[in-house]
N, C-alpha and C. Protein backbone atom coordinates (compact mmCIF):
# COMPACT_ATOMS: atom_id res chain seq x y z
N MET A 1 -70.29 -255.91 -11.83
CA MET A 1 -71.37 -255.37 -12.95
C MET A 1 -72.64 -254.42 -12.59
N ARG A 2 -73.25 -253.69 -13.15
CA ARG A 2 -73.70 -252.71 -13.25
C ARG A 2 -75.20 -253.22 -13.48
N THR A 3 -75.67 -252.33 -12.71
CA THR A 3 -77.77 -252.79 -13.52
C THR A 3 -78.00 -251.38 -14.29
N ALA A 4 -79.03 -251.58 -15.11
CA ALA A 4 -79.11 -250.90 -16.48
C ALA A 4 -80.30 -249.58 -15.46
N PRO A 5 -80.42 -248.48 -15.55
CA PRO A 5 -80.86 -247.71 -15.08
C PRO A 5 -81.86 -248.00 -14.25
N GLY A 6 -82.53 -247.32 -13.61
CA GLY A 6 -83.61 -247.80 -13.16
C GLY A 6 -84.12 -249.24 -12.29
N GLN A 7 -82.83 -250.36 -11.66
CA GLN A 7 -82.87 -251.08 -11.38
C GLN A 7 -82.29 -250.62 -10.12
N HIS A 8 -82.02 -251.75 -9.12
CA HIS A 8 -81.34 -251.87 -7.80
C HIS A 8 -79.65 -252.46 -8.18
N GLY A 9 -79.35 -250.88 -8.00
CA GLY A 9 -77.35 -251.20 -8.00
C GLY A 9 -77.06 -250.11 -7.02
N ASP A 10 -75.71 -250.21 -7.03
CA ASP A 10 -74.49 -250.09 -5.90
C ASP A 10 -74.76 -248.21 -5.60
N ILE A 11 -74.95 -248.60 -4.28
CA ILE A 11 -75.75 -247.29 -3.82
C ILE A 11 -74.53 -245.88 -4.29
N LEU A 12 -72.96 -245.51 -5.07
CA LEU A 12 -72.15 -245.49 -5.28
C LEU A 12 -73.06 -244.62 -6.41
N ASP A 13 -73.56 -245.54 -6.88
CA ASP A 13 -74.75 -244.92 -8.36
C ASP A 13 -75.20 -243.55 -8.90
N THR A 14 -75.00 -243.37 -7.64
CA THR A 14 -77.01 -242.82 -7.55
C THR A 14 -76.47 -241.69 -6.42
N VAL A 15 -76.09 -240.10 -7.21
CA VAL A 15 -75.81 -238.31 -7.27
C VAL A 15 -76.49 -238.31 -6.69
N LEU A 16 -76.39 -237.56 -5.64
CA LEU A 16 -77.06 -236.97 -4.61
C LEU A 16 -77.75 -235.71 -5.56
N PRO A 17 -78.64 -234.68 -5.97
CA PRO A 17 -78.40 -233.20 -6.66
C PRO A 17 -77.91 -232.15 -5.66
N GLU A 18 -77.11 -232.03 -6.04
CA GLU A 18 -76.46 -230.11 -5.36
C GLU A 18 -76.97 -229.79 -4.38
N SER A 19 -78.50 -229.61 -4.60
CA SER A 19 -79.14 -228.89 -3.68
C SER A 19 -79.39 -229.84 -2.27
N LEU A 20 -78.72 -231.09 -2.14
CA LEU A 20 -79.29 -232.02 -1.08
C LEU A 20 -77.66 -231.90 -0.66
N THR A 21 -76.78 -231.82 -1.01
CA THR A 21 -75.91 -231.47 -0.17
C THR A 21 -75.12 -230.67 0.46
N SER A 22 -74.16 -230.23 1.49
CA SER A 22 -74.12 -228.92 2.29
C SER A 22 -73.21 -228.65 1.52
N PRO A 23 -72.91 -227.27 1.42
CA PRO A 23 -72.00 -226.44 0.59
C PRO A 23 -71.34 -226.59 1.31
N LEU A 24 -70.88 -227.06 2.21
CA LEU A 24 -69.80 -227.03 3.29
C LEU A 24 -68.77 -228.32 3.06
N ASP A 25 -69.64 -229.29 1.81
CA ASP A 25 -68.53 -229.76 1.44
C ASP A 25 -67.46 -230.04 -0.11
N ARG A 26 -67.76 -228.21 -0.13
CA ARG A 26 -66.65 -227.38 -0.74
C ARG A 26 -65.00 -226.70 -0.08
N LEU A 27 -65.15 -227.34 1.20
CA LEU A 27 -63.96 -226.58 1.94
C LEU A 27 -63.59 -227.96 2.18
N SER A 28 -62.35 -227.85 2.76
CA SER A 28 -60.96 -228.25 2.69
C SER A 28 -61.30 -228.43 4.17
N PRO A 29 -60.25 -229.80 4.49
CA PRO A 29 -60.18 -229.80 6.93
C PRO A 29 -60.01 -228.93 6.97
N ARG A 30 -58.45 -227.31 6.66
CA ARG A 30 -57.58 -226.65 7.06
C ARG A 30 -59.02 -225.41 6.95
N GLU A 31 -59.52 -225.31 5.91
CA GLU A 31 -60.99 -224.04 5.86
C GLU A 31 -62.43 -225.12 6.86
N ILE A 32 -62.22 -225.48 6.89
CA ILE A 32 -63.51 -226.24 8.45
C ILE A 32 -62.92 -225.34 9.61
N GLN A 33 -61.71 -226.20 10.24
CA GLN A 33 -61.01 -225.63 10.99
C GLN A 33 -61.38 -223.94 10.95
N VAL A 34 -60.60 -223.58 10.16
CA VAL A 34 -60.81 -221.87 10.58
C VAL A 34 -61.77 -221.35 10.31
N LEU A 35 -62.95 -221.59 9.84
CA LEU A 35 -64.65 -221.79 9.76
C LEU A 35 -64.87 -221.88 11.51
N LYS A 36 -64.39 -222.94 11.49
CA LYS A 36 -65.43 -222.97 12.82
C LYS A 36 -64.58 -222.26 13.88
N LEU A 37 -63.74 -221.88 14.09
CA LEU A 37 -62.51 -220.70 14.95
C LEU A 37 -63.41 -219.87 14.65
N VAL A 38 -63.91 -219.08 13.15
CA VAL A 38 -64.07 -217.80 13.26
C VAL A 38 -65.35 -217.63 13.55
N VAL A 39 -66.26 -218.64 13.27
CA VAL A 39 -67.64 -218.62 14.39
C VAL A 39 -67.78 -218.67 15.54
N GLU A 40 -66.78 -218.85 16.14
CA GLU A 40 -66.76 -219.46 16.64
C GLU A 40 -66.68 -217.60 17.99
N GLY A 41 -66.07 -216.49 17.57
CA GLY A 41 -65.78 -215.11 16.57
C GLY A 41 -64.49 -214.71 17.21
N ARG A 42 -62.92 -215.89 17.18
CA ARG A 42 -62.31 -215.62 17.55
C ARG A 42 -61.16 -214.80 16.32
N THR A 43 -59.84 -213.70 16.27
CA THR A 43 -59.94 -212.63 15.87
C THR A 43 -58.89 -213.39 14.57
N SER A 44 -58.63 -213.08 13.55
CA SER A 44 -57.11 -213.20 13.05
C SER A 44 -56.16 -214.34 13.42
N LYS A 45 -55.97 -212.96 15.15
CA LYS A 45 -54.60 -213.13 15.46
C LYS A 45 -54.50 -213.91 15.96
N GLU A 46 -55.48 -214.04 16.75
CA GLU A 46 -55.92 -215.58 17.49
C GLU A 46 -56.24 -217.28 17.12
N ILE A 47 -56.59 -216.62 15.66
CA ILE A 47 -56.32 -217.95 15.09
C ILE A 47 -55.29 -218.65 14.57
N ALA A 48 -54.95 -217.78 13.74
CA ALA A 48 -53.03 -217.44 13.97
C ALA A 48 -52.04 -218.54 14.60
N ARG A 49 -52.30 -218.04 16.30
CA ARG A 49 -51.98 -218.54 17.07
C ARG A 49 -52.61 -219.45 17.45
N LEU A 50 -53.50 -220.03 17.19
CA LEU A 50 -53.62 -221.96 17.46
C LEU A 50 -53.43 -222.02 16.24
N LEU A 51 -52.71 -221.88 15.17
CA LEU A 51 -53.01 -223.09 14.56
C LEU A 51 -51.31 -223.02 13.86
N GLY A 52 -50.68 -222.12 14.19
CA GLY A 52 -49.26 -221.55 13.97
C GLY A 52 -49.16 -221.12 12.61
N VAL A 53 -49.70 -220.25 12.76
CA VAL A 53 -49.91 -219.18 10.73
C VAL A 53 -49.16 -218.19 11.21
N LEU A 54 -49.31 -217.03 9.53
CA LEU A 54 -50.04 -215.62 10.02
C LEU A 54 -50.55 -215.83 9.87
N PRO A 55 -51.20 -214.30 10.85
CA PRO A 55 -52.30 -213.74 10.33
C PRO A 55 -53.23 -213.34 8.68
N THR A 56 -52.44 -213.13 7.69
CA THR A 56 -52.68 -212.35 6.82
C THR A 56 -52.97 -214.31 6.04
N THR A 57 -52.29 -215.02 6.37
CA THR A 57 -52.75 -216.86 6.21
C THR A 57 -54.38 -216.92 6.67
N VAL A 58 -54.47 -216.00 7.88
CA VAL A 58 -55.54 -217.09 8.22
C VAL A 58 -56.85 -215.85 7.19
N ASP A 59 -56.28 -214.86 7.30
CA ASP A 59 -57.30 -213.56 6.06
C ASP A 59 -57.30 -214.63 4.98
N THR A 60 -56.28 -215.09 4.21
CA THR A 60 -56.57 -216.04 2.74
C THR A 60 -57.60 -216.16 2.65
N TYR A 61 -57.34 -217.60 3.96
CA TYR A 61 -58.54 -218.39 4.07
C TYR A 61 -60.10 -217.95 4.46
N ARG A 62 -60.16 -217.86 4.90
CA ARG A 62 -61.57 -216.46 5.51
C ARG A 62 -61.76 -216.52 4.31
N SER A 63 -60.73 -214.97 3.35
CA SER A 63 -61.30 -214.65 2.61
C SER A 63 -61.93 -216.19 1.04
N ARG A 64 -61.11 -216.94 0.86
CA ARG A 64 -61.05 -218.35 0.51
C ARG A 64 -62.96 -219.03 0.60
N ILE A 65 -62.83 -219.62 1.71
CA ILE A 65 -64.10 -219.65 2.71
C ILE A 65 -65.16 -218.76 1.99
N MET A 66 -65.23 -217.74 1.95
CA MET A 66 -66.39 -216.98 2.25
C MET A 66 -66.51 -217.34 0.47
N ALA A 67 -65.80 -216.96 -0.13
CA ALA A 67 -65.78 -217.39 -2.10
C ALA A 67 -65.89 -218.12 -2.73
N LYS A 68 -65.96 -219.64 -1.97
CA LYS A 68 -66.18 -220.94 -1.75
C LYS A 68 -68.38 -220.93 -1.50
N LEU A 69 -68.57 -220.50 -0.53
CA LEU A 69 -69.69 -220.29 0.41
C LEU A 69 -70.98 -219.51 -0.13
N ASP A 70 -70.21 -218.68 -1.41
CA ASP A 70 -70.55 -216.86 -1.73
C ASP A 70 -71.43 -216.56 -0.20
N VAL A 71 -70.93 -216.12 0.05
CA VAL A 71 -71.55 -214.81 1.51
C VAL A 71 -70.57 -214.10 1.05
N GLY A 72 -71.48 -213.04 1.69
CA GLY A 72 -70.42 -211.59 1.78
C GLY A 72 -70.25 -210.71 3.55
N ASP A 73 -70.16 -211.75 3.96
CA ASP A 73 -69.66 -211.18 5.00
C ASP A 73 -69.61 -212.00 6.69
N VAL A 74 -68.85 -212.25 7.47
CA VAL A 74 -69.10 -213.17 9.24
C VAL A 74 -69.77 -213.76 9.41
N PRO A 75 -71.19 -212.47 9.26
CA PRO A 75 -72.60 -213.23 10.07
C PRO A 75 -73.19 -213.53 8.76
N ALA A 76 -72.60 -213.82 7.79
CA ALA A 76 -73.46 -214.57 6.83
C ALA A 76 -72.49 -216.34 6.95
N LEU A 77 -71.83 -215.95 7.25
CA LEU A 77 -70.60 -217.61 7.43
C LEU A 77 -71.18 -218.10 9.05
N VAL A 78 -71.46 -216.96 9.82
CA VAL A 78 -72.32 -217.75 11.15
C VAL A 78 -73.50 -218.78 10.96
N ARG A 79 -74.45 -217.29 10.39
CA ARG A 79 -76.28 -217.95 10.39
C ARG A 79 -75.87 -220.17 9.01
N LEU A 80 -74.87 -219.86 8.02
CA LEU A 80 -74.49 -220.85 7.27
C LEU A 80 -74.16 -222.44 8.45
N ALA A 81 -73.01 -221.87 8.75
CA ALA A 81 -72.24 -222.72 9.78
C ALA A 81 -73.35 -223.65 10.05
N ILE A 82 -74.40 -222.28 11.17
CA ILE A 82 -75.46 -222.28 12.06
C ILE A 82 -76.89 -223.07 11.37
N ARG A 83 -76.59 -223.31 9.77
CA ARG A 83 -78.06 -223.97 8.95
C ARG A 83 -77.48 -225.81 8.63
N TYR A 84 -76.18 -225.52 8.60
CA TYR A 84 -75.65 -226.86 8.31
C TYR A 84 -74.61 -227.58 8.69
N ARG A 85 -75.63 -227.02 10.86
CA ARG A 85 -75.15 -227.97 12.43
C ARG A 85 -73.79 -228.09 12.09
N LEU A 86 -72.46 -227.42 11.70
CA LEU A 86 -71.01 -226.77 11.96
C LEU A 86 -70.48 -225.95 13.61
N THR A 87 -71.81 -225.91 14.31
CA THR A 87 -71.47 -224.99 15.23
C THR A 87 -73.05 -225.41 16.51
N ASP A 88 -73.15 -225.09 17.15
CA ASP A 88 -74.29 -225.89 18.45
C ASP A 88 -74.48 -223.84 19.32
N LEU A 89 -74.04 -223.00 18.04
CA LEU A 89 -74.71 -221.84 18.69
C LEU A 89 -75.70 -221.23 18.88
């Protein structure tokens, strides 16, 4: 049973404004994994070896991450990861 607007209802009926959500929520679990490794300073070759993929695949993930987060370089990725507590750097 739903309640009228303004009354107490199911918490799922409440939607947070996008400004209160993390931009990291736009990333897939694999993209988060790659982002963490990028933030640690690992190269595409190192990340590829750890994940069992090709370095070009890592580069594709990195490009998609940067596009989804609307950042232009790796230092901006690091700042964003720190801001949203993805890393303790």
